[in-house]
């Protein structure tokens, strides 16, 4: 079974990346961060499981800056 992925609008991705650069003073994203943000713009549910200190917060803090949408973040602290 072959699936097709929606392509992220280049303008939307550029806007998100510029927001990251200006708000967080970063020059690049980790591949996992980029993948999660792009999946959001492809209107997919996103589950991110990364170790402490790997930039999860940047992902969910970036999205409301770029969109008018509400984020729901569930943190499982054990």
PDB file of N, CA and C in Angstrom:
ATOM      1  N   UNK A   1       0.848  -1.180   0.000  1.00  0.00           N
ATOM      2  CA  UNK A   1       0.000   0.000   0.000  1.00  0.00           C
ATOM      3  C   UNK A   1       0.892   1.242   0.000  1.00  0.00           C
ATOM      4  N   UNK A   2       0.699   2.098  -0.943  1.00  0.00           N
ATOM      5  CA  UNK A   2       1.495   3.312  -1.055  1.00  0.00           C
ATOM      6  C   UNK A   2       0.703   4.494  -0.499  1.00  0.00           C
ATOM      7  N   UNK A   3       1.370   5.303   0.309  1.00  0.00           N
ATOM      8  CA  UNK A   3       0.702   6.495   0.852  1.00  0.00           C
ATOM      9  C   UNK A   3       1.352   7.738   0.267  1.00  0.00           C
ATOM     10  N   UNK A   4       0.564   8.782   0.165  1.00  0.00           N
ATOM     11  CA  UNK A   4       1.093  10.053  -0.321  1.00  0.00           C
ATOM     12  C   UNK A   4       1.087  11.055   0.812  1.00  0.00           C
ATOM     13  N   UNK A   5       2.126  11.816   0.898  1.00  0.00           N
ATOM     14  CA  UNK A   5       2.227  12.854   1.923  1.00  0.00           C
ATOM     15  C   UNK A   5       1.967  14.211   1.296  1.00  0.00           C
ATOM     16  N   UNK A   6       1.285  15.037   2.025  1.00  0.00           N
ATOM     17  CA  UNK A   6       1.096  16.415   1.570  1.00  0.00           C
ATOM     18  C   UNK A   6       2.434  17.134   1.651  1.00  0.00           C
ATOM     19  N   UNK A   7       2.661  18.010   0.747  1.00  0.00           N
ATOM     20  CA  UNK A   7       3.900  18.767   0.747  1.00  0.00           C
ATOM     21  C   UNK A   7       3.679  20.053   1.529  1.00  0.00           C
ATOM     22  N   UNK A   8       4.592  20.339   2.431  1.00  0.00           N
ATOM     23  CA  UNK A   8       4.488  21.547   3.240  1.00  0.00           C
ATOM     24  C   UNK A   8       4.726  22.754   2.348  1.00  0.00           C
ATOM     25  N   UNK A   9       3.849  23.728   2.468  1.00  0.00           N
ATOM     26  CA  UNK A   9       4.013  24.968   1.734  1.00  0.00           C
ATOM     27  C   UNK A   9       5.364  25.575   2.088  1.00  0.00           C
ATOM     28  N   UNK A  10       6.132  25.916   1.074  1.00  0.00           N
ATOM     29  CA  UNK A  10       7.454  26.505   1.290  1.00  0.00           C
ATOM     30  C   UNK A  10       7.342  27.813   2.070  1.00  0.00           C
ATOM     31  N   UNK A  11       6.297  28.589   1.798  1.00  0.00           N
ATOM     32  CA  UNK A  11       6.093  29.849   2.519  1.00  0.00           C
ATOM     33  C   UNK A  11       5.841  29.599   4.003  1.00  0.00           C
ATOM     34  N   UNK A  12       5.015  28.609   4.305  1.00  0.00           N
ATOM     35  CA  UNK A  12       4.676  28.306   5.696  1.00  0.00           C
ATOM     36  C   UNK A  12       5.909  27.796   6.436  1.00  0.00           C
ATOM     37  N   UNK A  13       6.689  26.942   5.772  1.00  0.00           N
ATOM     38  CA  UNK A  13       7.894  26.421   6.406  1.00  0.00           C
ATOM     39  C   UNK A  13       8.900  27.551   6.645  1.00  0.00           C
ATOM     40  N   UNK A  14       9.040  28.440   5.664  1.00  0.00           N
ATOM     41  CA  UNK A  14       9.965  29.575   5.800  1.00  0.00           C
ATOM     42  C   UNK A  14       9.538  30.467   6.969  1.00  0.00           C
ATOM     43  N   UNK A  15       8.242  30.702   7.083  1.00  0.00           N
ATOM     44  CA  UNK A  15       7.711  31.518   8.179  1.00  0.00           C
ATOM     45  C   UNK A  15       8.003  30.865   9.535  1.00  0.00           C
ATOM     46  N   UNK A  16       7.801  29.558   9.621  1.00  0.00           N
ATOM     47  CA  UNK A  16       8.064  28.843  10.864  1.00  0.00           C
ATOM     48  C   UNK A  16       9.545  28.894  11.221  1.00  0.00           C
ATOM     49  N   UNK A  17      10.383  28.680  10.232  1.00  0.00           N
ATOM     50  CA  UNK A  17      11.823  28.685  10.490  1.00  0.00           C
ATOM     51  C   UNK A  17      12.304  30.074  10.889  1.00  0.00           C
ATOM     52  N   UNK A  18      11.768  31.115  10.249  1.00  0.00           N
ATOM     53  CA  UNK A  18      12.127  32.486  10.625  1.00  0.00           C
ATOM     54  C   UNK A  18      11.673  32.805  12.040  1.00  0.00           C
ATOM     55  N   UNK A  19      10.517  32.273  12.447  1.00  0.00           N
ATOM     56  CA  UNK A  19      10.041  32.472  13.819  1.00  0.00           C
ATOM     57  C   UNK A  19      10.995  31.813  14.807  1.00  0.00           C
ATOM     58  N   UNK A  20      11.444  30.620  14.471  1.00  0.00           N
ATOM     59  CA  UNK A  20      12.402  29.924  15.335  1.00  0.00           C
ATOM     60  C   UNK A  20      13.693  30.733  15.439  1.00  0.00           C
ATOM     61  N   UNK A  21      14.171  31.220  14.307  1.00  0.00           N
ATOM     62  CA  UNK A  21      15.411  31.994  14.313  1.00  0.00           C
ATOM     63  C   UNK A  21      15.290  33.249  15.163  1.00  0.00           C
ATOM     64  N   UNK A  22      14.195  33.982  15.012  1.00  0.00           N
ATOM     65  CA  UNK A  22      14.068  35.246  15.738  1.00  0.00           C
ATOM     66  C   UNK A  22      13.719  35.051  17.219  1.00  0.00           C
ATOM     67  N   UNK A  23      12.814  34.126  17.518  1.00  0.00           N
ATOM     68  CA  UNK A  23      12.376  33.940  18.907  1.00  0.00           C
ATOM     69  C   UNK A  23      13.375  33.163  19.755  1.00  0.00           C
ATOM     70  N   UNK A  24      14.032  32.191  19.145  1.00  0.00           N
ATOM     71  CA  UNK A  24      14.903  31.301  19.909  1.00  0.00           C
ATOM     72  C   UNK A  24      16.386  31.491  19.590  1.00  0.00           C
ATOM     73  N   UNK A  25      16.687  32.414  18.670  1.00  0.00           N
ATOM     74  CA  UNK A  25      18.057  32.729  18.283  1.00  0.00           C
ATOM     75  C   UNK A  25      18.848  31.489  17.874  1.00  0.00           C
ATOM     76  N   UNK A  26      18.226  30.666  17.012  1.00  0.00           N
ATOM     77  CA  UNK A  26      18.869  29.464  16.490  1.00  0.00           C
ATOM     78  C   UNK A  26      19.115  29.616  14.997  1.00  0.00           C
ATOM     79  N   UNK A  27      20.118  28.939  14.507  1.00  0.00           N
ATOM     80  CA  UNK A  27      20.402  28.988  13.070  1.00  0.00           C
ATOM     81  C   UNK A  27      19.917  27.741  12.353  1.00  0.00           C
ATOM     82  N   UNK A  28      19.655  26.659  13.105  1.00  0.00           N
ATOM     83  CA  UNK A  28      19.160  25.434  12.490  1.00  0.00           C
ATOM     84  C   UNK A  28      18.360  24.635  13.504  1.00  0.00           C
ATOM     85  N   UNK A  29      17.590  23.691  12.999  1.00  0.00           N
ATOM     86  CA  UNK A  29      16.799  22.802  13.840  1.00  0.00           C
ATOM     87  C   UNK A  29      17.385  21.398  13.792  1.00  0.00           C
ATOM     88  N   UNK A  30      17.113  20.636  14.824  1.00  0.00           N
ATOM     89  CA  UNK A  30      17.446  19.219  14.775  1.00  0.00           C
ATOM     90  C   UNK A  30      16.489  18.542  13.801  1.00  0.00           C
ATOM     91  N   UNK A  31      16.901  17.452  13.208  1.00  0.00           N
ATOM     92  CA  UNK A  31      16.059  16.787  12.207  1.00  0.00           C
ATOM     93  C   UNK A  31      14.714  16.374  12.799  1.00  0.00           C
ATOM     94  N   UNK A  32      14.696  15.945  14.073  1.00  0.00           N
ATOM     95  CA  UNK A  32      13.438  15.548  14.718  1.00  0.00           C
ATOM     96  C   UNK A  32      12.502  16.739  14.901  1.00  0.00           C
ATOM     97  N   UNK A  33      13.065  17.899  15.220  1.00  0.00           N
ATOM     98  CA  UNK A  33      12.249  19.107  15.371  1.00  0.00           C
ATOM     99  C   UNK A  33      11.637  19.506  14.030  1.00  0.00           C
ATOM    100  N   UNK A  34      12.458  19.508  13.002  1.00  0.00           N
ATOM    101  CA  UNK A  34      11.985  19.871  11.664  1.00  0.00           C
ATOM    102  C   UNK A  34      10.896  18.912  11.197  1.00  0.00           C
ATOM    103  N   UNK A  35      11.095  17.629  11.417  1.00  0.00           N
ATOM    104  CA  UNK A  35      10.120  16.620  11.006  1.00  0.00           C
ATOM    105  C   UNK A  35       8.780  16.824  11.712  1.00  0.00           C
ATOM    106  N   UNK A  36       8.814  17.111  13.012  1.00  0.00           N
ATOM    107  CA  UNK A  36       7.577  17.317  13.782  1.00  0.00           C
ATOM    108  C   UNK A  36       6.836  18.565  13.319  1.00  0.00           C
ATOM    109  N   UNK A  37       7.551  19.651  13.083  1.00  0.00           N
ATOM    110  CA  UNK A  37       6.915  20.899  12.641  1.00  0.00           C
ATOM    111  C   UNK A  37       6.315  20.725  11.241  1.00  0.00           C
ATOM    112  N   UNK A  38       7.039  20.076  10.358  1.00  0.00           N
ATOM    113  CA  UNK A  38       6.516  19.845   9.005  1.00  0.00           C
ATOM    114  C   UNK A  38       5.285  18.948   9.048  1.00  0.00           C
ATOM    115  N   UNK A  39       5.284  17.931   9.907  1.00  0.00           N
ATOM    116  CA  UNK A  39       4.119  17.045  10.030  1.00  0.00           C
ATOM    117  C   UNK A  39       2.897  17.825  10.488  1.00  0.00           C
ATOM    118  N   UNK A  40       3.089  18.773  11.392  1.00  0.00           N
ATOM    119  CA  UNK A  40       1.986  19.617  11.841  1.00  0.00           C
ATOM    120  C   UNK A  40       1.372  20.377  10.668  1.00  0.00           C
ATOM    121  N   UNK A  41       2.226  20.959   9.824  1.00  0.00           N
ATOM    122  CA  UNK A  41       1.732  21.715   8.679  1.00  0.00           C
ATOM    123  C   UNK A  41       1.102  20.824   7.612  1.00  0.00           C
ATOM    124  N   UNK A  42       1.407  19.528   7.658  1.00  0.00           N
ATOM    125  CA  UNK A  42       0.769  18.571   6.759  1.00  0.00           C
ATOM    126  C   UNK A  42      -0.537  18.064   7.355  1.00  0.00           C
ATOM    127  N   UNK A  43      -0.987  18.684   8.437  1.00  0.00           N
ATOM    128  CA  UNK A  43      -2.227  18.379   9.150  1.00  0.00           C
ATOM    129  C   UNK A  43      -2.242  16.916   9.591  1.00  0.00           C
ATOM    130  N   UNK A  44      -1.180  16.541  10.279  1.00  0.00           N
ATOM    131  CA  UNK A  44      -1.064  15.204  10.837  1.00  0.00           C
ATOM    132  C   UNK A  44      -1.016  15.313  12.354  1.00  0.00           C
ATOM    133  N   UNK A  45      -1.474  14.255  13.016  1.00  0.00           N
ATOM    134  CA  UNK A  45      -1.266  14.180  14.451  1.00  0.00           C
ATOM    135  C   UNK A  45       0.227  13.974  14.665  1.00  0.00           C
ATOM    136  N   UNK A  46       0.756  14.609  15.686  1.00  0.00           N
ATOM    137  CA  UNK A  46       2.195  14.533  15.919  1.00  0.00           C
ATOM    138  C   UNK A  46       2.448  13.999  17.323  1.00  0.00           C
ATOM    139  N   UNK A  47       3.240  12.944  17.399  1.00  0.00           N
ATOM    140  CA  UNK A  47       3.683  12.374  18.672  1.00  0.00           C
ATOM    141  C   UNK A  47       5.199  12.466  18.683  1.00  0.00           C
ATOM    142  N   UNK A  48       5.739  13.180  19.657  1.00  0.00           N
ATOM    143  CA  UNK A  48       7.186  13.369  19.727  1.00  0.00           C
ATOM    144  C   UNK A  48       7.688  12.744  21.017  1.00  0.00           C
ATOM    145  N   UNK A  49       8.585  11.789  20.884  1.00  0.00           N
ATOM    146  CA  UNK A  49       9.169  11.105  22.031  1.00  0.00           C
ATOM    147  C   UNK A  49      10.679  11.286  21.943  1.00  0.00           C
ATOM    148  N   UNK A  50      11.171  12.305  22.639  1.00  0.00           N
ATOM    149  CA  UNK A  50      12.593  12.618  22.611  1.00  0.00           C
ATOM    150  C   UNK A  50      13.114  12.721  24.041  1.00  0.00           C
ATOM    151  N   UNK A  51      14.404  12.477  24.244  1.00  0.00           N
ATOM    152  CA  UNK A  51      14.959  12.576  25.597  1.00  0.00           C
ATOM    153  C   UNK A  51      15.002  14.023  26.096  1.00  0.00           C
ATOM    154  N   UNK A  52      15.163  14.167  27.375  1.00  0.00           N
ATOM    155  CA  UNK A  52      15.292  15.484  28.005  1.00  0.00           C
ATOM    156  C   UNK A  52      16.431  16.260  27.355  1.00  0.00           C
ATOM    157  N   UNK A  53      16.160  17.540  27.064  1.00  0.00           N
ATOM    158  CA  UNK A  53      17.187  18.403  26.506  1.00  0.00           C
ATOM    159  C   UNK A  53      17.336  18.339  25.003  1.00  0.00           C
ATOM    160  N   UNK A  54      16.392  17.685  24.330  1.00  0.00           N
ATOM    161  CA  UNK A  54      16.521  17.529  22.873  1.00  0.00           C
ATOM    162  C   UNK A  54      15.652  18.497  22.083  1.00  0.00           C
ATOM    163  N   UNK A  55      14.990  19.443  22.735  1.00  0.00           N
ATOM    164  CA  UNK A  55      14.281  20.494  22.020  1.00  0.00           C
ATOM    165  C   UNK A  55      12.803  20.280  21.771  1.00  0.00           C
ATOM    166  N   UNK A  56      12.144  19.480  22.603  1.00  0.00           N
ATOM    167  CA  UNK A  56      10.700  19.274  22.430  1.00  0.00           C
ATOM    168  C   UNK A  56       9.928  20.582  22.638  1.00  0.00           C
ATOM    169  N   UNK A  57      10.331  21.349  23.621  1.00  0.00           N
ATOM    170  CA  UNK A  57       9.627  22.594  23.939  1.00  0.00           C
ATOM    171  C   UNK A  57       9.606  23.547  22.759  1.00  0.00           C
ATOM    172  N   UNK A  58      10.686  23.610  22.034  1.00  0.00           N
ATOM    173  CA  UNK A  58      10.754  24.491  20.870  1.00  0.00           C
ATOM    174  C   UNK A  58       9.662  24.142  19.863  1.00  0.00           C
ATOM    175  N   UNK A  59       9.393  22.860  19.696  1.00  0.00           N
ATOM    176  CA  UNK A  59       8.385  22.416  18.726  1.00  0.00           C
ATOM    177  C   UNK A  59       7.018  22.983  19.082  1.00  0.00           C
ATOM    178  N   UNK A  60       6.573  22.766  20.318  1.00  0.00           N
ATOM    179  CA  UNK A  60       5.216  23.220  20.648  1.00  0.00           C
ATOM    180  C   UNK A  60       5.138  24.701  20.960  1.00  0.00           C
ATOM    181  N   UNK A  61       6.251  25.362  21.237  1.00  0.00           N
ATOM    182  CA  UNK A  61       6.226  26.806  21.442  1.00  0.00           C
ATOM    183  C   UNK A  61       6.275  27.560  20.116  1.00  0.00           C
ATOM    184  N   UNK A  62       6.857  26.964  19.116  1.00  0.00           N
ATOM    185  CA  UNK A  62       6.974  27.596  17.799  1.00  0.00           C
ATOM    186  C   UNK A  62       5.630  27.670  17.073  1.00  0.00           C
ATOM    187  N   UNK A  63       4.841  26.630  17.167  1.00  0.00           N
ATOM    188  CA  UNK A  63       3.621  26.536  16.357  1.00  0.00           C
ATOM    189  C   UNK A  63       2.591  27.630  16.620  1.00  0.00           C
ATOM    190  N   UNK A  64       2.289  28.006  17.867  1.00  0.00           N
ATOM    191  CA  UNK A  64       1.334  29.101  18.080  1.00  0.00           C
ATOM    192  C   UNK A  64       1.855  30.450  17.588  1.00  0.00           C
ATOM    193  N   UNK A  65       3.174  30.609  17.542  1.00  0.00           N
ATOM    194  CA  UNK A  65       3.751  31.848  17.031  1.00  0.00           C
ATOM    195  C   UNK A  65       3.440  32.007  15.546  1.00  0.00           C
ATOM    196  N   UNK A  66       3.456  30.904  14.828  1.00  0.00           N
ATOM    197  CA  UNK A  66       3.298  30.912  13.372  1.00  0.00           C
ATOM    198  C   UNK A  66       1.837  30.817  12.953  1.00  0.00           C
ATOM    199  N   UNK A  67       1.011  30.174  13.754  1.00  0.00           N
ATOM    200  CA  UNK A  67      -0.394  29.956  13.375  1.00  0.00           C
ATOM    201  C   UNK A  67      -1.319  30.638  14.376  1.00  0.00           C
ATOM    202  N   UNK A  68      -2.575  30.695  14.039  1.00  0.00           N
ATOM    203  CA  UNK A  68      -3.593  31.194  14.966  1.00  0.00           C
ATOM    204  C   UNK A  68      -4.284  30.036  15.678  1.00  0.00           C
ATOM    205  N   UNK A  69      -3.693  28.869  15.593  1.00  0.00           N
ATOM    206  CA  UNK A  69      -4.313  27.668  16.146  1.00  0.00           C
ATOM    207  C   UNK A  69      -3.882  27.464  17.597  1.00  0.00           C
ATOM    208  N   UNK A  70      -4.678  26.690  18.301  1.00  0.00           N
ATOM    209  CA  UNK A  70      -4.389  26.338  19.688  1.00  0.00           C
ATOM    210  C   UNK A  70      -3.641  25.011  19.689  1.00  0.00           C
ATOM    211  N   UNK A  71      -2.601  24.925  20.500  1.00  0.00           N
ATOM    212  CA  UNK A  71      -1.856  23.680  20.668  1.00  0.00           C
ATOM    213  C   UNK A  71      -2.352  22.954  21.902  1.00  0.00           C
ATOM    214  N   UNK A  72      -2.448  21.659  21.818  1.00  0.00           N
ATOM    215  CA  UNK A  72      -2.706  20.840  22.997  1.00  0.00           C
ATOM    216  C   UNK A  72      -1.472  19.988  23.215  1.00  0.00           C
ATOM    217  N   UNK A  73      -0.833  20.180  24.333  1.00  0.00           N
ATOM    218  CA  UNK A  73       0.395  19.444  24.651  1.00  0.00           C
ATOM    219  C   UNK A  73       0.132  18.586  25.866  1.00  0.00           C
ATOM    220  N   UNK A  74       0.346  17.296  25.741  1.00  0.00           N
ATOM    221  CA  UNK A  74       0.195  16.361  26.871  1.00  0.00           C
ATOM    222  C   UNK A  74       1.580  15.870  27.238  1.00  0.00           C
ATOM    223  N   UNK A  75       1.983  16.126  28.465  1.00  0.00           N
ATOM    224  CA  UNK A  75       3.283  15.677  28.951  1.00  0.00           C
ATOM    225  C   UNK A  75       3.104  14.542  29.933  1.00  0.00           C
ATOM    226  N   UNK A  76       3.800  13.472  29.694  1.00  0.00           N
ATOM    227  CA  UNK A  76       3.744  12.314  30.603  1.00  0.00           C
ATOM    228  C   UNK A  76       5.011  12.333  31.424  1.00  0.00           C
ATOM    229  N   UNK A  77       4.908  12.806  32.632  1.00  0.00           N
ATOM    230  CA  UNK A  77       6.063  12.859  33.520  1.00  0.00           C
ATOM    231  C   UNK A  77       5.999  11.672  34.473  1.00  0.00           C
ATOM    232  N   UNK A  78       7.002  10.851  34.388  1.00  0.00           N
ATOM    233  CA  UNK A  78       7.042   9.672  35.253  1.00  0.00           C
ATOM    234  C   UNK A  78       8.094   9.810  36.316  1.00  0.00           C
TER     235      UNK A  78
END
